[in-house]
PDB file of all heavy atoms in Angstrom:
ATOM      1  N   PHE A   1      -3.631  17.497 -13.604  1.00  0.00           N
ATOM      2  CA  PHE A   1      -3.813  17.867 -12.209  1.00  0.00           C
ATOM      3  C   PHE A   1      -3.392  19.306 -11.971  1.00  0.00           C
ATOM      4  O   PHE A   1      -4.062  20.048 -11.247  1.00  0.00           O
ATOM      5  CB  PHE A   1      -3.008  16.935 -11.298  1.00  0.00           C
ATOM      6  CG  PHE A   1      -3.800  15.764 -10.798  1.00  0.00           C
ATOM      7  CD1 PHE A   1      -3.435  14.471 -11.124  1.00  0.00           C
ATOM      8  CD2 PHE A   1      -4.925  15.950 -10.014  1.00  0.00           C
ATOM      9  CE1 PHE A   1      -4.170  13.400 -10.681  1.00  0.00           C
ATOM     10  CE2 PHE A   1      -5.667  14.882  -9.559  1.00  0.00           C
ATOM     11  CZ  PHE A   1      -5.287  13.592  -9.894  1.00  0.00           C
ATOM     12  N   ALA A   2      -2.279  19.697 -12.568  1.00  0.00           N
ATOM     13  CA  ALA A   2      -1.802  21.067 -12.383  1.00  0.00           C
ATOM     14  C   ALA A   2      -2.831  22.070 -12.893  1.00  0.00           C
ATOM     15  O   ALA A   2      -3.091  23.099 -12.247  1.00  0.00           O
ATOM     16  CB  ALA A   2      -0.465  21.253 -13.091  1.00  0.00           C
ATOM     17  N   ARG A   3      -3.449  21.782 -14.057  1.00  0.00           N
ATOM     18  CA  ARG A   3      -4.460  22.689 -14.604  1.00  0.00           C
ATOM     19  C   ARG A   3      -5.682  22.759 -13.704  1.00  0.00           C
ATOM     20  O   ARG A   3      -6.238  23.833 -13.453  1.00  0.00           O
ATOM     21  CB  ARG A   3      -4.870  22.241 -16.012  1.00  0.00           C
ATOM     22  CG  ARG A   3      -3.805  22.431 -17.076  1.00  0.00           C
ATOM     23  CD  ARG A   3      -4.408  22.407 -18.457  1.00  0.00           C
ATOM     24  NE  ARG A   3      -5.101  21.173 -18.752  1.00  0.00           N
ATOM     25  CZ  ARG A   3      -4.535  20.112 -19.316  1.00  0.00           C
ATOM     26  NH1 ARG A   3      -3.246  20.149 -19.638  1.00  0.00           N
ATOM     27  NH2 ARG A   3      -5.227  19.025 -19.570  1.00  0.00           N
ATOM     28  N   LEU A   4      -6.113  21.614 -13.190  1.00  0.00           N
ATOM     29  CA  LEU A   4      -7.295  21.588 -12.339  1.00  0.00           C
ATOM     30  C   LEU A   4      -7.060  22.283 -11.000  1.00  0.00           C
ATOM     31  O   LEU A   4      -7.951  22.931 -10.461  1.00  0.00           O
ATOM     32  CB  LEU A   4      -7.728  20.141 -12.088  1.00  0.00           C
ATOM     33  CG  LEU A   4      -8.499  19.453 -13.216  1.00  0.00           C
ATOM     34  CD1 LEU A   4      -8.557  17.959 -12.976  1.00  0.00           C
ATOM     35  CD2 LEU A   4      -9.894  20.017 -13.350  1.00  0.00           C
ATOM     36  N   LEU A   5      -5.851  22.154 -10.479  1.00  0.00           N
ATOM     37  CA  LEU A   5      -5.549  22.697  -9.170  1.00  0.00           C
ATOM     38  C   LEU A   5      -5.045  24.128  -9.232  1.00  0.00           C
ATOM     39  O   LEU A   5      -4.895  24.781  -8.201  1.00  0.00           O
ATOM     40  CB  LEU A   5      -4.501  21.823  -8.473  1.00  0.00           C
ATOM     41  CG  LEU A   5      -4.938  20.390  -8.140  1.00  0.00           C
ATOM     42  CD1 LEU A   5      -3.758  19.579  -7.648  1.00  0.00           C
ATOM     43  CD2 LEU A   5      -6.034  20.400  -7.095  1.00  0.00           C
ATOM     44  N   GLY A   6      -4.764  24.606 -10.433  1.00  0.00           N
ATOM     45  CA  GLY A   6      -4.221  25.948 -10.561  1.00  0.00           C
ATOM     46  C   GLY A   6      -2.839  26.063  -9.953  1.00  0.00           C
ATOM     47  O   GLY A   6      -2.492  27.092  -9.360  1.00  0.00           O
ATOM     48  N   ALA A   7      -2.035  24.997 -10.081  1.00  0.00           N
ATOM     49  CA  ALA A   7      -0.707  24.954  -9.475  1.00  0.00           C
ATOM     50  C   ALA A   7       0.347  24.659 -10.539  1.00  0.00           C
ATOM     51  O   ALA A   7       0.024  24.205 -11.651  1.00  0.00           O
ATOM     52  CB  ALA A   7      -0.651  23.895  -8.375  1.00  0.00           C
ATOM     53  N   GLN A   8       1.597  24.885 -10.197  1.00  0.00           N
ATOM     54  CA  GLN A   8       2.688  24.545 -11.096  1.00  0.00           C
ATOM     55  C   GLN A   8       2.827  23.032 -11.188  1.00  0.00           C
ATOM     56  O   GLN A   8       2.605  22.311 -10.207  1.00  0.00           O
ATOM     57  CB  GLN A   8       4.000  25.151 -10.589  1.00  0.00           C
ATOM     58  CG  GLN A   8       4.028  26.672 -10.575  1.00  0.00           C
ATOM     59  CD  GLN A   8       4.026  27.246 -11.983  1.00  0.00           C
ATOM     60  OE1 GLN A   8       4.604  26.663 -12.912  1.00  0.00           O
ATOM     61  NE2 GLN A   8       3.359  28.385 -12.152  1.00  0.00           N
ATOM     62  N   ARG A   9       3.224  22.555 -12.360  1.00  0.00           N
ATOM     63  CA  ARG A   9       3.391  21.112 -12.530  1.00  0.00           C
ATOM     64  C   ARG A   9       4.425  20.561 -11.560  1.00  0.00           C
ATOM     65  O   ARG A   9       4.267  19.466 -11.010  1.00  0.00           O
ATOM     66  CB  ARG A   9       3.805  20.797 -13.973  1.00  0.00           C
ATOM     67  CG  ARG A   9       3.903  19.299 -14.257  1.00  0.00           C
ATOM     68  CD  ARG A   9       4.454  19.015 -15.647  1.00  0.00           C
ATOM     69  NE  ARG A   9       4.498  17.595 -15.932  1.00  0.00           N
ATOM     70  CZ  ARG A   9       5.440  16.775 -15.492  1.00  0.00           C
ATOM     71  NH1 ARG A   9       6.414  17.247 -14.733  1.00  0.00           N
ATOM     72  NH2 ARG A   9       5.405  15.485 -15.791  1.00  0.00           N
ATOM     73  N   SER A  10       5.501  21.308 -11.321  1.00  0.00           N
ATOM     74  CA  SER A  10       6.544  20.840 -10.407  1.00  0.00           C
ATOM     75  C   SER A  10       6.006  20.677  -8.987  1.00  0.00           C
ATOM     76  O   SER A  10       6.401  19.759  -8.255  1.00  0.00           O
ATOM     77  CB  SER A  10       7.723  21.814 -10.412  1.00  0.00           C
ATOM     78  OG  SER A  10       7.299  23.117 -10.039  1.00  0.00           O
ATOM     79  N   THR A  11       5.092  21.565  -8.582  1.00  0.00           N
ATOM     80  CA  THR A  11       4.491  21.486  -7.250  1.00  0.00           C
ATOM     81  C   THR A  11       3.614  20.249  -7.132  1.00  0.00           C
ATOM     82  O   THR A  11       3.642  19.528  -6.120  1.00  0.00           O
ATOM     83  CB  THR A  11       3.649  22.739  -6.965  1.00  0.00           C
ATOM     84  OG1 THR A  11       4.465  23.893  -7.134  1.00  0.00           O
ATOM     85  CG2 THR A  11       3.098  22.725  -5.550  1.00  0.00           C
ATOM     86  N   VAL A  12       2.829  19.976  -8.193  1.00  0.00           N
ATOM     87  CA  VAL A  12       1.985  18.781  -8.199  1.00  0.00           C
ATOM     88  C   VAL A  12       2.839  17.522  -8.230  1.00  0.00           C
ATOM     89  O   VAL A  12       2.533  16.528  -7.558  1.00  0.00           O
ATOM     90  CB  VAL A  12       1.017  18.825  -9.397  1.00  0.00           C
ATOM     91  CG1 VAL A  12       0.247  17.518  -9.516  1.00  0.00           C
ATOM     92  CG2 VAL A  12       0.045  19.993  -9.248  1.00  0.00           C
ATOM     93  N   SER A  13       3.930  17.545  -8.976  1.00  0.00           N
ATOM     94  CA  SER A  13       4.837  16.389  -9.044  1.00  0.00           C
ATOM     95  C   SER A  13       5.414  16.074  -7.669  1.00  0.00           C
ATOM     96  O   SER A  13       5.527  14.904  -7.279  1.00  0.00           O
ATOM     97  CB  SER A  13       5.967  16.659 -10.039  1.00  0.00           C
ATOM     98  OG  SER A  13       5.462  16.801 -11.341  1.00  0.00           O
ATOM     99  N   GLU A  14       5.787  17.110  -6.933  1.00  0.00           N
ATOM    100  CA  GLU A  14       6.330  16.900  -5.589  1.00  0.00           C
ATOM    101  C   GLU A  14       5.276  16.304  -4.664  1.00  0.00           C
ATOM    102  O   GLU A  14       5.569  15.407  -3.861  1.00  0.00           O
ATOM    103  CB  GLU A  14       6.848  18.219  -5.028  1.00  0.00           C
ATOM    104  CG  GLU A  14       7.316  18.158  -3.579  1.00  0.00           C
ATOM    105  CD  GLU A  14       8.426  17.138  -3.341  1.00  0.00           C
ATOM    106  OE1 GLU A  14       9.205  16.856  -4.279  1.00  0.00           O
ATOM    107  OE2 GLU A  14       8.501  16.613  -2.207  1.00  0.00           O
ATOM    108  N   ALA A  15       4.027  16.780  -4.773  1.00  0.00           N
ATOM    109  CA  ALA A  15       2.950  16.232  -3.945  1.00  0.00           C
ATOM    110  C   ALA A  15       2.702  14.764  -4.292  1.00  0.00           C
ATOM    111  O   ALA A  15       2.539  13.922  -3.393  1.00  0.00           O
ATOM    112  CB  ALA A  15       1.675  17.043  -4.147  1.00  0.00           C
ATOM    113  N   ALA A  16       2.693  14.442  -5.582  1.00  0.00           N
ATOM    114  CA  ALA A  16       2.501  13.053  -5.997  1.00  0.00           C
ATOM    115  C   ALA A  16       3.646  12.180  -5.495  1.00  0.00           C
ATOM    116  O   ALA A  16       3.433  11.028  -5.088  1.00  0.00           O
ATOM    117  CB  ALA A  16       2.393  12.980  -7.519  1.00  0.00           C
ATOM    118  N   HIS A  17       4.872  12.723  -5.517  1.00  0.00           N
ATOM    119  CA  HIS A  17       6.026  11.973  -5.020  1.00  0.00           C
ATOM    120  C   HIS A  17       5.873  11.674  -3.531  1.00  0.00           C
ATOM    121  O   HIS A  17       6.192  10.564  -3.070  1.00  0.00           O
ATOM    122  CB  HIS A  17       7.306  12.766  -5.272  1.00  0.00           C
ATOM    123  CG  HIS A  17       8.545  12.087  -4.770  1.00  0.00           C
ATOM    124  ND1 HIS A  17       9.111  10.993  -5.404  1.00  0.00           N
ATOM    125  CD2 HIS A  17       9.324  12.330  -3.669  1.00  0.00           C
ATOM    126  CE1 HIS A  17      10.174  10.601  -4.735  1.00  0.00           C
ATOM    127  NE2 HIS A  17      10.326  11.391  -3.684  1.00  0.00           N
ATOM    128  N   GLN A  18       5.375  12.637  -2.768  1.00  0.00           N
ATOM    129  CA  GLN A  18       5.163  12.416  -1.337  1.00  0.00           C
ATOM    130  C   GLN A  18       4.122  11.328  -1.096  1.00  0.00           C
ATOM    131  O   GLN A  18       4.286  10.479  -0.211  1.00  0.00           O
ATOM    132  CB  GLN A  18       4.727  13.718  -0.667  1.00  0.00           C
ATOM    133  CG  GLN A  18       5.796  14.790  -0.598  1.00  0.00           C
ATOM    134  CD  GLN A  18       5.292  16.029   0.125  1.00  0.00           C
ATOM    135  OE1 GLN A  18       4.642  15.941   1.167  1.00  0.00           O
ATOM    136  NE2 GLN A  18       5.581  17.202  -0.427  1.00  0.00           N
ATOM    137  N   LEU A  19       3.053  11.345  -1.865  1.00  0.00           N
ATOM    138  CA  LEU A  19       2.018  10.315  -1.714  1.00  0.00           C
ATOM    139  C   LEU A  19       2.536   8.941  -2.097  1.00  0.00           C
ATOM    140  O   LEU A  19       2.205   7.935  -1.455  1.00  0.00           O
ATOM    141  CB  LEU A  19       0.793  10.681  -2.558  1.00  0.00           C
ATOM    142  CG  LEU A  19       0.052  11.965  -2.154  1.00  0.00           C
ATOM    143  CD1 LEU A  19      -1.049  12.285  -3.149  1.00  0.00           C
ATOM    144  CD2 LEU A  19      -0.515  11.849  -0.741  1.00  0.00           C
ATOM    145  N   LYS A  20       3.383   8.897  -3.123  1.00  0.00           N
ATOM    146  CA  LYS A  20       3.987   7.619  -3.515  1.00  0.00           C
ATOM    147  C   LYS A  20       4.944   7.128  -2.448  1.00  0.00           C
ATOM    148  O   LYS A  20       4.993   5.921  -2.138  1.00  0.00           O
ATOM    149  CB  LYS A  20       4.706   7.782  -4.848  1.00  0.00           C
ATOM    150  CG  LYS A  20       5.317   6.494  -5.382  1.00  0.00           C
ATOM    151  CD  LYS A  20       5.957   6.699  -6.742  1.00  0.00           C
ATOM    152  CE  LYS A  20       6.532   5.386  -7.285  1.00  0.00           C
ATOM    153  NZ  LYS A  20       7.173   5.584  -8.618  1.00  0.00           N
ATOM    154  N   ALA A  21       5.722   8.021  -1.853  1.00  0.00           N
ATOM    155  CA  ALA A  21       6.670   7.642  -0.806  1.00  0.00           C
ATOM    156  C   ALA A  21       5.961   7.061   0.411  1.00  0.00           C
ATOM    157  O   ALA A  21       6.518   6.223   1.131  1.00  0.00           O
ATOM    158  CB  ALA A  21       7.513   8.851  -0.404  1.00  0.00           C
ATOM    159  N   ARG A  22       4.722   7.511   0.640  1.00  0.00           N
ATOM    160  CA  ARG A  22       3.929   6.978   1.755  1.00  0.00           C
ATOM    161  C   ARG A  22       3.174   5.710   1.367  1.00  0.00           C
ATOM    162  O   ARG A  22       2.367   5.201   2.154  1.00  0.00           O
ATOM    163  CB  ARG A  22       2.925   8.028   2.234  1.00  0.00           C
ATOM    164  CG  ARG A  22       3.546   9.321   2.731  1.00  0.00           C
ATOM    165  CD  ARG A  22       2.466  10.255   3.274  1.00  0.00           C
ATOM    166  NE  ARG A  22       2.953  11.608   3.443  1.00  0.00           N
ATOM    167  CZ  ARG A  22       2.245  12.603   3.948  1.00  0.00           C
ATOM    168  NH1 ARG A  22       0.996  12.378   4.366  1.00  0.00           N
ATOM    169  NH2 ARG A  22       2.739  13.824   4.063  1.00  0.00           N
ATOM    170  N   ALA A  23       3.402   5.213   0.149  1.00  0.00           N
ATOM    171  CA  ALA A  23       2.751   3.999  -0.372  1.00  0.00           C
ATOM    172  C   ALA A  23       1.244   4.168  -0.490  1.00  0.00           C
ATOM    173  O   ALA A  23       0.489   3.195  -0.401  1.00  0.00           O
ATOM    174  CB  ALA A  23       3.083   2.781   0.488  1.00  0.00           C
ATOM    175  N   LEU A  24       0.797   5.412  -0.694  1.00  0.00           N
ATOM    176  CA  LEU A  24      -0.636   5.666  -0.881  1.00  0.00           C
ATOM    177  C   LEU A  24      -1.028   5.535  -2.342  1.00  0.00           C
ATOM    178  O   LEU A  24      -2.170   5.163  -2.649  1.00  0.00           O
ATOM    179  CB  LEU A  24      -0.987   7.059  -0.371  1.00  0.00           C
ATOM    180  CG  LEU A  24      -0.675   7.340   1.100  1.00  0.00           C
ATOM    181  CD1 LEU A  24      -1.095   8.755   1.475  1.00  0.00           C
ATOM    182  CD2 LEU A  24      -1.354   6.319   2.002  1.00  0.00           C
ATOM    183  N   ILE A  25      -0.124   5.874  -3.246  1.00  0.00           N
ATOM    184  CA  ILE A  25      -0.382   5.766  -4.681  1.00  0.00           C
ATOM    185  C   ILE A  25       0.862   5.239  -5.381  1.00  0.00           C
ATOM    186  O   ILE A  25       1.960   5.207  -4.811  1.00  0.00           O
ATOM    187  CB  ILE A  25      -0.766   7.129  -5.311  1.00  0.00           C
ATOM    188  CG1 ILE A  25       0.441   8.095  -5.285  1.00  0.00           C
ATOM    189  CG2 ILE A  25      -1.971   7.742  -4.613  1.00  0.00           C
ATOM    190  CD1 ILE A  25       0.233   9.356  -6.116  1.00  0.00           C
ATOM    191  N   ASP A  26       0.668   4.840  -6.605  1.00  0.00           N
ATOM    192  CA  ASP A  26       1.775   4.561  -7.515  1.00  0.00           C
ATOM    193  C   ASP A  26       1.399   5.197  -8.841  1.00  0.00           C
ATOM    194  O   ASP A  26       0.207   5.394  -9.118  1.00  0.00           O
ATOM    195  CB  ASP A  26       1.995   3.057  -7.682  1.00  0.00           C
ATOM    196  CG  ASP A  26       3.377   2.730  -8.223  1.00  0.00           C
ATOM    197  OD1 ASP A  26       4.153   3.684  -8.483  1.00  0.00           O
ATOM    198  OD2 ASP A  26       3.682   1.546  -8.385  1.00  0.00           O
ATOM    199  N   TYR A  27       2.363   5.539  -9.647  1.00  0.00           N
ATOM    200  CA  TYR A  27       2.027   6.189 -10.908  1.00  0.00           C
ATOM    201  C   TYR A  27       3.086   5.956 -11.963  1.00  0.00           C
ATOM    202  O   TYR A  27       4.255   5.707 -11.668  1.00  0.00           O
ATOM    203  CB  TYR A  27       1.811   7.707 -10.715  1.00  0.00           C
ATOM    204  CG  TYR A  27       2.994   8.455 -10.133  1.00  0.00           C
ATOM    205  CD1 TYR A  27       4.042   8.888 -10.948  1.00  0.00           C
ATOM    206  CD2 TYR A  27       3.052   8.753  -8.783  1.00  0.00           C
ATOM    207  CE1 TYR A  27       5.119   9.577 -10.412  1.00  0.00           C
ATOM    208  CE2 TYR A  27       4.118   9.442  -8.239  1.00  0.00           C
ATOM    209  CZ  TYR A  27       5.148   9.854  -9.062  1.00  0.00           C
ATOM    210  OH  TYR A  27       6.223  10.531  -8.533  1.00  0.00           O
ATOM    211  N   ARG A  28       2.615   5.973 -13.180  1.00  0.00           N
ATOM    212  CA  ARG A  28       3.465   6.029 -14.362  1.00  0.00           C
ATOM    213  C   ARG A  28       2.799   7.020 -15.296  1.00  0.00           C
ATOM    214  O   ARG A  28       1.693   7.476 -15.021  1.00  0.00           O
ATOM    215  CB  ARG A  28       3.605   4.659 -15.019  1.00  0.00           C
ATOM    216  CG  ARG A  28       2.300   4.063 -15.517  1.00  0.00           C
ATOM    217  CD  ARG A  28       2.505   2.674 -16.088  1.00  0.00           C
ATOM    218  NE  ARG A  28       2.935   1.733 -15.061  1.00  0.00           N
ATOM    219  CZ  ARG A  28       3.237   0.465 -15.309  1.00  0.00           C
ATOM    220  NH1 ARG A  28       3.206   0.014 -16.557  1.00  0.00           N
ATOM    221  NH2 ARG A  28       3.594  -0.353 -14.335  1.00  0.00           N
ATOM    222  N   ARG A  29       3.434   7.356 -16.373  1.00  0.00           N
ATOM    223  CA  ARG A  29       2.921   8.423 -17.225  1.00  0.00           C
ATOM    224  C   ARG A  29       1.478   8.145 -17.662  1.00  0.00           C
ATOM    225  O   ARG A  29       1.188   7.133 -18.279  1.00  0.00           O
ATOM    226  CB  ARG A  29       3.821   8.597 -18.447  1.00  0.00           C
ATOM    227  CG  ARG A  29       3.387   9.749 -19.332  1.00  0.00           C
ATOM    228  CD  ARG A  29       4.450  10.118 -20.340  1.00  0.00           C
ATOM    229  NE  ARG A  29       4.014  11.234 -21.172  1.00  0.00           N
ATOM    230  CZ  ARG A  29       4.078  12.499 -20.806  1.00  0.00           C
ATOM    231  NH1 ARG A  29       4.565  12.819 -19.629  1.00  0.00           N
ATOM    232  NH2 ARG A  29       3.670  13.467 -21.612  1.00  0.00           N
ATOM    233  N   GLY A  30       0.578   9.066 -17.310  1.00  0.00           N
ATOM    234  CA  GLY A  30      -0.802   8.980 -17.757  1.00  0.00           C
ATOM    235  C   GLY A  30      -1.691   8.088 -16.921  1.00  0.00           C
ATOM    236  O   GLY A  30      -2.882   7.967 -17.200  1.00  0.00           O
ATOM    237  N   GLN A  31      -1.132   7.444 -15.882  1.00  0.00           N
ATOM    238  CA  GLN A  31      -1.952   6.532 -15.084  1.00  0.00           C
ATOM    239  C   GLN A  31      -1.512   6.572 -13.622  1.00  0.00           C
ATOM    240  O   GLN A  31      -0.316   6.566 -13.316  1.00  0.00           O
ATOM    241  CB  GLN A  31      -1.850   5.110 -15.618  1.00  0.00           C
ATOM    242  CG  GLN A  31      -2.835   4.143 -14.986  1.00  0.00           C
ATOM    243  CD  GLN A  31      -2.828   2.795 -15.662  1.00  0.00           C
ATOM    244  OE1 GLN A  31      -2.165   1.874 -15.201  1.00  0.00           O
ATOM    245  NE2 GLN A  31      -3.569   2.668 -16.756  1.00  0.00           N
ATOM    246  N   ILE A  32      -2.489   6.620 -12.726  1.00  0.00           N
ATOM    247  CA  ILE A  32      -2.239   6.641 -11.289  1.00  0.00           C
ATOM    248  C   ILE A  32      -3.003   5.487 -10.662  1.00  0.00           C
ATOM    249  O   ILE A  32      -4.177   5.261 -10.972  1.00  0.00           O
ATOM    250  CB  ILE A  32      -2.692   7.974 -10.670  1.00  0.00           C
ATOM    251  CG1 ILE A  32      -1.922   9.147 -11.303  1.00  0.00           C
ATOM    252  CG2 ILE A  32      -2.474   7.966  -9.155  1.00  0.00           C
ATOM    253  CD1 ILE A  32      -2.460  10.504 -10.915  1.00  0.00           C
ATOM    254  N   LEU A  33      -2.341   4.750  -9.778  1.00  0.00           N
ATOM    255  CA  LEU A  33      -2.964   3.643  -9.055  1.00  0.00           C
ATOM    256  C   LEU A  33      -3.089   4.021  -7.586  1.00  0.00           C
ATOM    257  O   LEU A  33      -2.098   4.360  -6.940  1.00  0.00           O
ATOM    258  CB  LEU A  33      -2.113   2.372  -9.189  1.00  0.00           C
ATOM    259  CG  LEU A  33      -2.565   1.174  -8.330  1.00  0.00           C
ATOM    260  CD1 LEU A  33      -3.937   0.670  -8.779  1.00  0.00           C
ATOM    261  CD2 LEU A  33      -1.531   0.058  -8.377  1.00  0.00           C
ATOM    262  N   ILE A  34      -4.306   3.996  -7.064  1.00  0.00           N
ATOM    263  CA  ILE A  34      -4.527   4.244  -5.641  1.00  0.00           C
ATOM    264  C   ILE A  34      -4.295   2.937  -4.892  1.00  0.00           C
ATOM    265  O   ILE A  34      -5.002   1.951  -5.093  1.00  0.00           O
ATOM    266  CB  ILE A  34      -5.941   4.790  -5.389  1.00  0.00           C
ATOM    267  CG1 ILE A  34      -6.090   6.174  -6.034  1.00  0.00           C
ATOM    268  CG2 ILE A  34      -6.228   4.870  -3.886  1.00  0.00           C
ATOM    269  CD1 ILE A  34      -7.455   6.801  -5.860  1.00  0.00           C
ATOM    270  N   ARG A  35      -3.310   2.947  -4.009  1.00  0.00           N
ATOM    271  CA  ARG A  35      -2.931   1.742  -3.262  1.00  0.00           C
ATOM    272  C   ARG A  35      -3.581   1.702  -1.881  1.00  0.00           C
ATOM    273  O   ARG A  35      -3.818   0.632  -1.333  1.00  0.00           O
ATOM    274  CB  ARG A  35      -1.414   1.672  -3.124  1.00  0.00           C
ATOM    275  CG  ARG A  35      -0.669   1.605  -4.449  1.00  0.00           C
ATOM    276  CD  ARG A  35       0.825   1.747  -4.240  1.00  0.00           C
ATOM    277  NE  ARG A  35       1.343   0.682  -3.410  1.00  0.00           N
ATOM    278  CZ  ARG A  35       1.855  -0.456  -3.888  1.00  0.00           C
ATOM    279  NH1 ARG A  35       1.916  -0.643  -5.198  1.00  0.00           N
ATOM    280  NH2 ARG A  35       2.311  -1.385  -3.077  1.00  0.00           N
ATOM    281  N   ASP A  36      -3.841   2.861  -1.290  1.00  0.00           N
ATOM    282  CA  ASP A  36      -4.366   2.917   0.069  1.00  0.00           C
ATOM    283  C   ASP A  36      -5.393   4.041   0.135  1.00  0.00           C
ATOM    284  O   ASP A  36      -5.060   5.193   0.395  1.00  0.00           O
ATOM    285  CB  ASP A  36      -3.222   3.162   1.058  1.00  0.00           C
ATOM    286  CG  ASP A  36      -3.676   3.181   2.520  1.00  0.00           C
ATOM    287  OD1 ASP A  36      -4.904   3.157   2.770  1.00  0.00           O
ATOM    288  OD2 ASP A  36      -2.800   3.238   3.410  1.00  0.00           O
ATOM    289  N   ARG A  37      -6.649   3.692  -0.101  1.00  0.00           N
ATOM    290  CA  ARG A  37      -7.703   4.712  -0.129  1.00  0.00           C
ATOM    291  C   ARG A  37      -7.886   5.387   1.227  1.00  0.00           C
ATOM    292  O   ARG A  37      -7.993   6.603   1.317  1.00  0.00           O
ATOM    293  CB  ARG A  37      -9.022   4.089  -0.588  1.00  0.00           C
ATOM    294  CG  ARG A  37     -10.148   5.116  -0.647  1.00  0.00           C
ATOM    295  CD  ARG A  37     -11.497   4.490  -0.899  1.00  0.00           C
ATOM    296  NE  ARG A  37     -12.530   5.509  -0.795  1.00  0.00           N
ATOM    297  CZ  ARG A  37     -13.080   6.137  -1.811  1.00  0.00           C
ATOM    298  NH1 ARG A  37     -12.723   5.836  -3.049  1.00  0.00           N
ATOM    299  NH2 ARG A  37     -13.996   7.063  -1.622  1.00  0.00           N
ATOM    300  N   SER A  38      -7.927   4.597   2.299  1.00  0.00           N
ATOM    301  CA  SER A  38      -8.137   5.184   3.623  1.00  0.00           C
ATOM    302  C   SER A  38      -6.988   6.116   4.000  1.00  0.00           C
ATOM    303  O   SER A  38      -7.207   7.178   4.603  1.00  0.00           O
ATOM    304  CB  SER A  38      -8.314   4.095   4.682  1.00  0.00           C
ATOM    305  OG  SER A  38      -7.156   3.274   4.763  1.00  0.00           O
ATOM    306  N   GLY A  39      -5.758   5.740   3.631  1.00  0.00           N
ATOM    307  CA  GLY A  39      -4.618   6.606   3.890  1.00  0.00           C
ATOM    308  C   GLY A  39      -4.716   7.896   3.102  1.00  0.00           C
ATOM    309  O   GLY A  39      -4.367   8.976   3.600  1.00  0.00           O
TER     310      GLY A  39
END
């Protein structure tokens, strides 16, 4: 994701953490689960 977005990995990690905190996604290494598509 960081390579595709042209962003630092830490910045992408923080964004993913925010999405997980909102229960929109869940993730483990190498795999992301979309929990709430509309959200």
